Amino acid sequence: PNKADKVLDVIKKGITKYTYKPSNRVVWLALGENREYLIYPKLYCSCLNFYKEVVINQ
């Protein structure tokens, strides 16, 4: 499966949005095939693809 298919699979499995008060920081938790992934919008994702594409290729 390509990246788009993988993204659609994650969306189908579930993504939960958490908004923390009083800072209003938004954190998303995505359910992958084998684990949960922590997402800070525009900053960070705990997935392997983020590590490969952003951290290593920087």
PDB file of N, CA and C in Angstrom:
ATOM      1  N   PRO A   1       0.830  -1.216   0.000  1.00  0.00           N
ATOM      2  CA  PRO A   1       0.000   0.000   0.000  1.00  0.00           C
ATOM      3  C   PRO A   1       0.863   1.264   0.000  1.00  0.00           C
ATOM      4  N   ASN A   2       0.374   2.290  -0.672  1.00  0.00           N
ATOM      5  CA  ASN A   2       1.121   3.549  -0.713  1.00  0.00           C
ATOM      6  C   ASN A   2       0.818   4.391   0.532  1.00  0.00           C
ATOM      7  N   LYS A   3       1.440   5.558   0.632  1.00  0.00           N
ATOM      8  CA  LYS A   3       1.272   6.408   1.815  1.00  0.00           C
ATOM      9  C   LYS A   3      -0.169   6.846   2.005  1.00  0.00           C
ATOM     10  N   ALA A   4      -0.853   7.166   0.916  1.00  0.00           N
ATOM     11  CA  ALA A   4      -2.246   7.606   1.023  1.00  0.00           C
ATOM     12  C   ALA A   4      -3.119   6.503   1.605  1.00  0.00           C
ATOM     13  N   ASP A   5      -2.901   5.267   1.180  1.00  0.00           N
ATOM     14  CA  ASP A   5      -3.666   4.139   1.720  1.00  0.00           C
ATOM     15  C   ASP A   5      -3.396   3.965   3.212  1.00  0.00           C
ATOM     16  N   LYS A   6      -2.151   4.126   3.607  1.00  0.00           N
ATOM     17  CA  LYS A   6      -1.802   3.993   5.022  1.00  0.00           C
ATOM     18  C   LYS A   6      -2.470   5.082   5.853  1.00  0.00           C
ATOM     19  N   VAL A   7      -2.497   6.295   5.327  1.00  0.00           N
ATOM     20  CA  VAL A   7      -3.147   7.402   6.030  1.00  0.00           C
ATOM     21  C   VAL A   7      -4.635   7.119   6.188  1.00  0.00           C
ATOM     22  N   LEU A   8      -5.272   6.648   5.135  1.00  0.00           N
ATOM     23  CA  LEU A   8      -6.696   6.329   5.212  1.00  0.00           C
ATOM     24  C   LEU A   8      -6.967   5.224   6.224  1.00  0.00           C
ATOM     25  N   ASP A   9      -6.090   4.234   6.300  1.00  0.00           N
ATOM     26  CA  ASP A   9      -6.243   3.165   7.292  1.00  0.00           C
ATOM     27  C   ASP A   9      -6.182   3.719   8.710  1.00  0.00           C
ATOM     28  N   VAL A  10      -5.248   4.621   8.956  1.00  0.00           N
ATOM     29  CA  VAL A  10      -5.124   5.223  10.286  1.00  0.00           C
ATOM     30  C   VAL A  10      -6.375   6.020  10.622  1.00  0.00           C
ATOM     31  N   ILE A  11      -6.890   6.764   9.655  1.00  0.00           N
ATOM     32  CA  ILE A  11      -8.100   7.553   9.884  1.00  0.00           C
ATOM     33  C   ILE A  11      -9.278   6.644  10.214  1.00  0.00           C
ATOM     34  N   LYS A  12      -9.396   5.536   9.511  1.00  0.00           N
ATOM     35  CA  LYS A  12     -10.483   4.591   9.775  1.00  0.00           C
ATOM     36  C   LYS A  12     -10.372   3.978  11.166  1.00  0.00           C
ATOM     37  N   LYS A  13      -9.143   3.688  11.605  1.00  0.00           N
ATOM     38  CA  LYS A  13      -8.937   3.072  12.921  1.00  0.00           C
ATOM     39  C   LYS A  13      -9.214   4.051  14.045  1.00  0.00           C
ATOM     40  N   GLY A  14      -8.948   5.301  13.796  1.00  0.00           N
ATOM     41  CA  GLY A  14      -9.283   6.298  14.798  1.00  0.00           C
ATOM     42  C   GLY A  14      -8.166   7.255  15.129  1.00  0.00           C
ATOM     43  N   ILE A  15      -8.551   8.500  15.221  1.00  0.00           N
ATOM     44  CA  ILE A  15      -7.658   9.558  15.662  1.00  0.00           C
ATOM     45  C   ILE A  15      -8.412  10.330  16.738  1.00  0.00           C
ATOM     46  N   THR A  16      -7.758  10.531  17.869  1.00  0.00           N
ATOM     47  CA  THR A  16      -8.389  11.228  18.975  1.00  0.00           C
ATOM     48  C   THR A  16      -7.662  12.543  19.207  1.00  0.00           C
ATOM     49  N   LYS A  17      -8.437  13.597  19.372  1.00  0.00           N
ATOM     50  CA  LYS A  17      -7.874  14.920  19.628  1.00  0.00           C
ATOM     51  C   LYS A  17      -8.008  15.241  21.115  1.00  0.00           C
ATOM     52  N   TYR A  18      -6.898  15.668  21.714  1.00  0.00           N
ATOM     53  CA  TYR A  18      -6.898  16.100  23.104  1.00  0.00           C
ATOM     54  C   TYR A  18      -6.497  17.570  23.138  1.00  0.00           C
ATOM     55  N   THR A  19      -7.268  18.386  23.832  1.00  0.00           N
ATOM     56  CA  THR A  19      -6.937  19.790  24.022  1.00  0.00           C
ATOM     57  C   THR A  19      -6.725  20.016  25.508  1.00  0.00           C
ATOM     58  N   TYR A  20      -5.525  20.417  25.857  1.00  0.00           N
ATOM     59  CA  TYR A  20      -5.186  20.603  27.259  1.00  0.00           C
ATOM     60  C   TYR A  20      -5.407  22.047  27.675  1.00  0.00           C
ATOM     61  N   LYS A  21      -5.970  22.219  28.849  1.00  0.00           N
ATOM     62  CA  LYS A  21      -6.260  23.538  29.401  1.00  0.00           C
ATOM     63  C   LYS A  21      -5.288  23.819  30.524  1.00  0.00           C
ATOM     64  N   PRO A  22      -4.912  25.017  30.811  1.00  0.00           N
ATOM     65  CA  PRO A  22      -5.322  26.262  30.182  1.00  0.00           C
ATOM     66  C   PRO A  22      -4.484  26.638  28.964  1.00  0.00           C
ATOM     67  N   SER A  23      -3.489  25.818  28.593  1.00  0.00           N
ATOM     68  CA  SER A  23      -2.582  26.185  27.501  1.00  0.00           C
ATOM     69  C   SER A  23      -3.212  26.077  26.121  1.00  0.00           C
ATOM     70  N   ASN A  24      -4.300  25.302  26.006  1.00  0.00           N
ATOM     71  CA  ASN A  24      -4.952  25.025  24.716  1.00  0.00           C
ATOM     72  C   ASN A  24      -4.047  24.273  23.747  1.00  0.00           C
ATOM     73  N   ARG A  25      -3.040  23.581  24.274  1.00  0.00           N
ATOM     74  CA  ARG A  25      -2.185  22.751  23.414  1.00  0.00           C
ATOM     75  C   ARG A  25      -3.011  21.592  22.887  1.00  0.00           C
ATOM     76  N   VAL A  26      -2.890  21.350  21.586  1.00  0.00           N
ATOM     77  CA  VAL A  26      -3.623  20.264  20.944  1.00  0.00           C
ATOM     78  C   VAL A  26      -2.665  19.118  20.656  1.00  0.00           C
ATOM     79  N   VAL A  27      -3.057  17.926  21.063  1.00  0.00           N
ATOM     80  CA  VAL A  27      -2.292  16.711  20.815  1.00  0.00           C
ATOM     81  C   VAL A  27      -3.242  15.697  20.203  1.00  0.00           C
ATOM     82  N   TRP A  28      -2.774  15.009  19.176  1.00  0.00           N
ATOM     83  CA  TRP A  28      -3.576  13.977  18.524  1.00  0.00           C
ATOM     84  C   TRP A  28      -2.955  12.620  18.815  1.00  0.00           C
ATOM     85  N   LEU A  29      -3.793  11.611  18.959  1.00  0.00           N
ATOM     86  CA  LEU A  29      -3.339  10.244  19.146  1.00  0.00           C
ATOM     87  C   LEU A  29      -3.947   9.409  18.028  1.00  0.00           C
ATOM     88  N   ALA A  30      -3.085   8.841  17.182  1.00  0.00           N
ATOM     89  CA  ALA A  30      -3.544   8.041  16.040  1.00  0.00           C
ATOM     90  C   ALA A  30      -3.275   6.570  16.315  1.00  0.00           C
ATOM     91  N   LEU A  31      -4.247   5.724  16.018  1.00  0.00           N
ATOM     92  CA  LEU A  31      -4.096   4.288  16.210  1.00  0.00           C
ATOM     93  C   LEU A  31      -3.562   3.661  14.940  1.00  0.00           C
ATOM     94  N   GLY A  32      -2.341   3.137  15.012  1.00  0.00           N
ATOM     95  CA  GLY A  32      -1.733   2.457  13.874  1.00  0.00           C
ATOM     96  C   GLY A  32      -1.979   0.963  13.944  1.00  0.00           C
ATOM     97  N   GLU A  33      -1.300   0.212  13.086  1.00  0.00           N
ATOM     98  CA  GLU A  33      -1.469  -1.242  13.063  1.00  0.00           C
ATOM     99  C   GLU A  33      -1.027  -1.888  14.361  1.00  0.00           C
ATOM    100  N   ASN A  34       0.119  -1.464  14.871  1.00  0.00           N
ATOM    101  CA  ASN A  34       0.703  -2.132  16.031  1.00  0.00           C
ATOM    102  C   ASN A  34       0.841  -1.263  17.270  1.00  0.00           C
ATOM    103  N   ARG A  35       0.586   0.018  17.141  1.00  0.00           N
ATOM    104  CA  ARG A  35       0.773   0.904  18.291  1.00  0.00           C
ATOM    105  C   ARG A  35       0.037   2.211  18.091  1.00  0.00           C
ATOM    106  N   GLU A  36       0.105   3.064  19.099  1.00  0.00           N
ATOM    107  CA  GLU A  36      -0.472   4.398  19.020  1.00  0.00           C
ATOM    108  C   GLU A  36       0.648   5.389  18.714  1.00  0.00           C
ATOM    109  N   TYR A  37       0.296   6.440  17.985  1.00  0.00           N
ATOM    110  CA  TYR A  37       1.279   7.452  17.612  1.00  0.00           C
ATOM    111  C   TYR A  37       0.849   8.805  18.146  1.00  0.00           C
ATOM    112  N   LEU A  38       1.771   9.489  18.762  1.00  0.00           N
ATOM    113  CA  LEU A  38       1.538  10.805  19.316  1.00  0.00           C
ATOM    114  C   LEU A  38       1.856  11.848  18.255  1.00  0.00           C
ATOM    115  N   ILE A  39       0.941  12.793  18.055  1.00  0.00           N
ATOM    116  CA  ILE A  39       1.122  13.820  17.028  1.00  0.00           C
ATOM    117  C   ILE A  39       0.928  15.200  17.648  1.00  0.00           C
ATOM    118  N   TYR A  40       1.942  16.046  17.507  1.00  0.00           N
ATOM    119  CA  TYR A  40       1.833  17.460  17.831  1.00  0.00           C
ATOM    120  C   TYR A  40       1.759  18.174  16.486  1.00  0.00           C
ATOM    121  N   PRO A  41       0.616  18.753  16.132  1.00  0.00           N
ATOM    122  CA  PRO A  41       0.465  19.356  14.805  1.00  0.00           C
ATOM    123  C   PRO A  41       1.601  20.327  14.456  1.00  0.00           C
ATOM    124  N   LYS A  42       2.143  20.146  13.272  1.00  0.00           N
ATOM    125  CA  LYS A  42       3.217  20.962  12.694  1.00  0.00           C
ATOM    126  C   LYS A  42       4.540  20.871  13.452  1.00  0.00           C
ATOM    127  N   LEU A  43       4.638  19.964  14.445  1.00  0.00           N
ATOM    128  CA  LEU A  43       5.868  19.862  15.222  1.00  0.00           C
ATOM    129  C   LEU A  43       6.474  18.469  15.237  1.00  0.00           C
ATOM    130  N   TYR A  44       5.658  17.450  15.510  1.00  0.00           N
ATOM    131  CA  TYR A  44       6.222  16.133  15.801  1.00  0.00           C
ATOM    132  C   TYR A  44       5.192  15.027  15.613  1.00  0.00           C
ATOM    133  N   CYS A  45       5.685  13.858  15.207  1.00  0.00           N
ATOM    134  CA  CYS A  45       4.896  12.628  15.191  1.00  0.00           C
ATOM    135  C   CYS A  45       5.828  11.503  15.636  1.00  0.00           C
ATOM    136  N   SER A  46       5.325  10.590  16.434  1.00  0.00           N
ATOM    137  CA  SER A  46       6.166   9.497  16.924  1.00  0.00           C
ATOM    138  C   SER A  46       6.265   8.339  15.932  1.00  0.00           C
ATOM    139  N   CYS A  47       5.761   8.525  14.723  1.00  0.00           N
ATOM    140  CA  CYS A  47       5.808   7.465  13.712  1.00  0.00           C
ATOM    141  C   CYS A  47       7.194   7.381  13.055  1.00  0.00           C
ATOM    142  N   LEU A  48       7.493   6.229  12.495  1.00  0.00           N
ATOM    143  CA  LEU A  48       8.781   6.002  11.841  1.00  0.00           C
ATOM    144  C   LEU A  48       8.963   6.900  10.618  1.00  0.00           C
ATOM    145  N   ASN A  49       7.892   7.156   9.879  1.00  0.00           N
ATOM    146  CA  ASN A  49       7.990   7.993   8.685  1.00  0.00           C
ATOM    147  C   ASN A  49       8.442   9.415   9.034  1.00  0.00           C
ATOM    148  N   PHE A  50       7.945   9.972  10.126  1.00  0.00           N
ATOM    149  CA  PHE A  50       8.382  11.301  10.556  1.00  0.00           C
ATOM    150  C   PHE A  50       9.884  11.287  10.830  1.00  0.00           C
ATOM    151  N   TYR A  51      10.344  10.258  11.512  1.00  0.00           N
ATOM    152  CA  TYR A  51      11.775  10.141  11.815  1.00  0.00           C
ATOM    153  C   TYR A  51      12.598  10.079  10.533  1.00  0.00           C
ATOM    154  N   LYS A  52      12.164   9.255   9.582  1.00  0.00           N
ATOM    155  CA  LYS A  52      12.904   9.107   8.319  1.00  0.00           C
ATOM    156  C   LYS A  52      12.889  10.386   7.493  1.00  0.00           C
ATOM    157  N   GLU A  53      11.711  10.976   7.327  1.00  0.00           N
ATOM    158  CA  GLU A  53      11.548  12.108   6.414  1.00  0.00           C
ATOM    159  C   GLU A  53      11.974  13.448   7.002  1.00  0.00           C
ATOM    160  N   VAL A  54      11.818  13.625   8.302  1.00  0.00           N
ATOM    161  CA  VAL A  54      12.092  14.929   8.902  1.00  0.00           C
ATOM    162  C   VAL A  54      13.410  14.937   9.673  1.00  0.00           C
ATOM    163  N   VAL A  55      13.590  13.994  10.556  1.00  0.00           N
ATOM    164  CA  VAL A  55      14.778  14.000  11.407  1.00  0.00           C
ATOM    165  C   VAL A  55      16.034  13.656  10.616  1.00  0.00           C
ATOM    166  N   ILE A  56      16.002  12.574   9.866  1.00  0.00           N
ATOM    167  CA  ILE A  56      17.187  12.134   9.124  1.00  0.00           C
ATOM    168  C   ILE A  56      17.466  13.029   7.923  1.00  0.00           C
ATOM    169  N   ASN A  57      16.457  13.429   7.191  1.00  0.00           N
ATOM    170  CA  ASN A  57      16.641  14.211   5.963  1.00  0.00           C
ATOM    171  C   ASN A  57      16.760  15.706   6.201  1.00  0.00           C
ATOM    172  N   GLN A  58      16.915  16.135   7.416  1.00  0.00           N
ATOM    173  CA  GLN A  58      16.980  17.559   7.705  1.00  0.00           C
ATOM    174  C   GLN A  58      18.300  18.148   7.298  1.00  0.00           C
TER     175      GLN A  58
END
